[in-house]
N, C-alpha and C. Protein backbone atom coordinates (compact mmCIF):
# COMPACT_ATOMS: atom_id res chain seq x y z
N UNK A 1 -21.30 64.49 52.39
CA UNK A 1 -21.46 64.01 53.73
C UNK A 1 -20.23 63.18 54.08
N UNK A 2 -19.69 63.41 55.25
CA UNK A 2 -18.53 62.67 55.71
C UNK A 2 -18.97 61.57 56.67
N UNK A 3 -18.50 60.36 56.41
CA UNK A 3 -18.81 59.24 57.29
C UNK A 3 -17.50 58.58 57.68
N UNK A 4 -17.37 58.26 58.93
CA UNK A 4 -16.17 57.61 59.42
C UNK A 4 -16.49 56.47 60.35
N UNK A 5 -15.45 55.78 60.80
CA UNK A 5 -15.60 54.67 61.73
C UNK A 5 -16.14 55.16 63.06
N UNK A 6 -15.71 56.36 63.46
CA UNK A 6 -16.20 56.97 64.70
C UNK A 6 -16.37 58.47 64.47
N UNK A 7 -16.78 59.19 65.49
CA UNK A 7 -17.06 60.62 65.36
C UNK A 7 -15.82 61.42 65.00
N UNK A 8 -14.68 61.04 65.56
CA UNK A 8 -13.44 61.77 65.28
C UNK A 8 -13.04 61.62 63.82
N UNK A 9 -13.11 60.41 63.29
CA UNK A 9 -12.77 60.21 61.88
C UNK A 9 -13.76 60.94 60.98
N UNK A 10 -15.03 60.93 61.32
CA UNK A 10 -16.02 61.66 60.53
C UNK A 10 -15.72 63.15 60.52
N UNK A 11 -15.34 63.69 61.68
CA UNK A 11 -14.98 65.11 61.76
C UNK A 11 -13.75 65.41 60.90
N UNK A 12 -12.74 64.55 60.97
CA UNK A 12 -11.51 64.75 60.19
C UNK A 12 -11.82 64.70 58.69
N UNK A 13 -12.64 63.74 58.27
CA UNK A 13 -13.00 63.64 56.86
C UNK A 13 -13.80 64.85 56.41
N UNK A 14 -14.66 65.37 57.28
CA UNK A 14 -15.42 66.58 56.94
C UNK A 14 -14.48 67.77 56.77
N UNK A 15 -13.47 67.87 57.64
CA UNK A 15 -12.50 68.96 57.53
C UNK A 15 -11.69 68.84 56.24
N UNK A 16 -11.34 67.62 55.84
CA UNK A 16 -10.64 67.43 54.57
C UNK A 16 -11.53 67.86 53.40
N UNK A 17 -12.81 67.55 53.47
CA UNK A 17 -13.74 67.95 52.40
C UNK A 17 -13.84 69.47 52.32
N UNK A 18 -13.81 70.14 53.45
CA UNK A 18 -13.81 71.61 53.46
C UNK A 18 -12.57 72.12 52.74
N UNK A 19 -11.41 71.53 53.03
CA UNK A 19 -10.17 71.95 52.37
C UNK A 19 -10.26 71.77 50.86
N UNK A 20 -10.76 70.63 50.42
CA UNK A 20 -10.90 70.37 48.99
C UNK A 20 -11.82 71.41 48.35
N UNK A 21 -12.93 71.70 49.01
CA UNK A 21 -13.88 72.69 48.46
C UNK A 21 -13.27 74.08 48.41
N UNK A 22 -12.52 74.46 49.44
CA UNK A 22 -11.90 75.79 49.46
C UNK A 22 -10.86 75.93 48.35
N UNK A 23 -9.96 74.94 48.24
CA UNK A 23 -8.90 75.03 47.25
C UNK A 23 -9.41 74.88 45.82
N UNK A 24 -10.57 74.24 45.63
CA UNK A 24 -11.14 74.09 44.29
C UNK A 24 -12.09 75.22 43.93
N UNK A 25 -12.35 76.12 44.86
CA UNK A 25 -13.31 77.19 44.59
C UNK A 25 -12.76 78.21 43.60
N UNK A 26 -13.64 78.82 42.82
CA UNK A 26 -13.18 79.85 41.88
C UNK A 26 -12.59 81.06 42.61
N UNK A 27 -12.99 81.28 43.85
CA UNK A 27 -12.44 82.40 44.62
C UNK A 27 -10.98 82.16 44.98
N UNK A 28 -10.64 80.91 45.31
CA UNK A 28 -9.23 80.59 45.59
C UNK A 28 -8.41 80.72 44.32
N UNK A 29 -8.94 80.18 43.23
CA UNK A 29 -8.22 80.24 41.95
C UNK A 29 -7.98 81.69 41.53
N UNK A 30 -8.96 82.56 41.78
CA UNK A 30 -8.83 83.97 41.42
C UNK A 30 -7.97 84.75 42.41
N UNK A 31 -7.69 84.14 43.57
CA UNK A 31 -6.86 84.81 44.57
C UNK A 31 -7.63 85.76 45.48
N UNK A 32 -8.95 85.68 45.47
CA UNK A 32 -9.75 86.59 46.30
C UNK A 32 -10.19 85.96 47.62
N UNK A 33 -9.99 84.67 47.79
CA UNK A 33 -10.36 83.98 49.02
C UNK A 33 -9.15 83.94 49.94
N UNK A 34 -9.34 84.38 51.19
CA UNK A 34 -8.22 84.33 52.13
C UNK A 34 -8.74 84.25 53.55
N UNK A 35 -7.88 83.76 54.43
CA UNK A 35 -8.17 83.68 55.85
C UNK A 35 -6.97 84.29 56.55
N UNK A 36 -7.16 85.42 57.18
CA UNK A 36 -6.02 86.12 57.79
C UNK A 36 -5.21 86.83 56.72
N UNK A 37 -3.90 86.65 56.78
CA UNK A 37 -3.01 87.28 55.80
C UNK A 37 -3.15 86.58 54.45
N UNK A 38 -3.07 87.32 53.36
CA UNK A 38 -3.14 86.69 52.04
C UNK A 38 -2.02 85.68 51.83
N UNK A 39 -2.36 84.53 51.25
CA UNK A 39 -1.36 83.53 50.91
C UNK A 39 -0.93 82.62 52.03
N UNK A 40 -1.63 82.64 53.17
CA UNK A 40 -1.21 81.79 54.29
C UNK A 40 -1.95 80.47 54.36
N UNK A 41 -2.97 80.28 53.56
CA UNK A 41 -3.75 79.05 53.60
C UNK A 41 -5.00 79.21 54.43
N UNK A 42 -5.67 78.08 54.70
CA UNK A 42 -6.97 78.12 55.36
C UNK A 42 -7.02 77.32 56.66
N UNK A 43 -6.03 76.50 56.93
CA UNK A 43 -5.97 75.78 58.19
C UNK A 43 -6.73 74.47 58.26
N UNK A 44 -7.14 73.94 57.12
CA UNK A 44 -7.84 72.66 57.10
C UNK A 44 -6.91 71.58 56.55
N UNK A 45 -7.01 70.35 57.06
CA UNK A 45 -6.17 69.26 56.55
C UNK A 45 -6.59 68.86 55.14
N UNK A 46 -5.62 68.65 54.28
CA UNK A 46 -5.88 68.28 52.88
C UNK A 46 -5.54 66.81 52.68
N UNK A 47 -6.38 66.06 51.95
CA UNK A 47 -6.02 64.68 51.61
C UNK A 47 -4.75 64.66 50.76
N UNK A 48 -4.02 63.56 50.81
CA UNK A 48 -2.73 63.46 50.10
C UNK A 48 -2.78 63.85 48.62
N UNK A 49 -3.80 63.45 47.84
CA UNK A 49 -3.79 63.83 46.42
C UNK A 49 -3.81 65.34 46.17
N UNK A 50 -4.23 66.14 47.14
CA UNK A 50 -4.31 67.58 46.94
C UNK A 50 -3.18 68.37 47.56
N UNK A 51 -2.19 67.68 48.13
CA UNK A 51 -1.12 68.38 48.86
C UNK A 51 -0.36 69.36 47.97
N UNK A 52 -0.21 69.05 46.69
CA UNK A 52 0.54 69.96 45.81
C UNK A 52 -0.17 71.28 45.59
N UNK A 53 -1.46 71.35 45.90
CA UNK A 53 -2.23 72.59 45.74
C UNK A 53 -2.13 73.53 46.94
N UNK A 54 -1.56 73.07 48.04
CA UNK A 54 -1.53 73.87 49.26
C UNK A 54 -0.64 75.10 49.11
N UNK A 55 -0.98 76.14 49.88
CA UNK A 55 -0.20 77.37 49.88
C UNK A 55 0.15 77.76 51.31
N UNK A 56 1.15 78.59 51.45
CA UNK A 56 1.50 79.20 52.72
C UNK A 56 1.72 78.23 53.86
N UNK A 57 1.15 78.56 55.02
CA UNK A 57 1.32 77.74 56.22
C UNK A 57 0.74 76.34 56.04
N UNK A 58 -0.30 76.20 55.24
CA UNK A 58 -0.86 74.87 54.98
C UNK A 58 0.20 73.97 54.36
N UNK A 59 0.97 74.49 53.43
CA UNK A 59 2.01 73.70 52.78
C UNK A 59 3.09 73.28 53.78
N UNK A 60 3.52 74.20 54.61
CA UNK A 60 4.59 73.89 55.58
C UNK A 60 4.12 72.92 56.66
N UNK A 61 2.86 72.99 57.04
CA UNK A 61 2.35 72.16 58.12
C UNK A 61 1.95 70.76 57.68
N UNK A 62 1.70 70.54 56.40
CA UNK A 62 1.16 69.25 55.97
C UNK A 62 2.04 68.45 55.05
N UNK A 63 3.00 69.06 54.40
CA UNK A 63 3.84 68.31 53.47
C UNK A 63 4.83 67.48 54.27
N UNK A 64 4.86 66.15 54.01
CA UNK A 64 5.78 65.28 54.77
C UNK A 64 7.23 65.54 54.47
């Protein structure tokens, strides 16, 4: 469950949790999980500790 100071922060934290779950899933590890073209990422914001796990467009859009 995501809880934030306001609704926007709660939504953002929920989206980060989705990213963590997707990148930690056995389907991602096996390479069978994809959204759109293979290897482009999933489009969810990742918390800083997981940035090194990002692939494709996710990596280009989120790495500082």
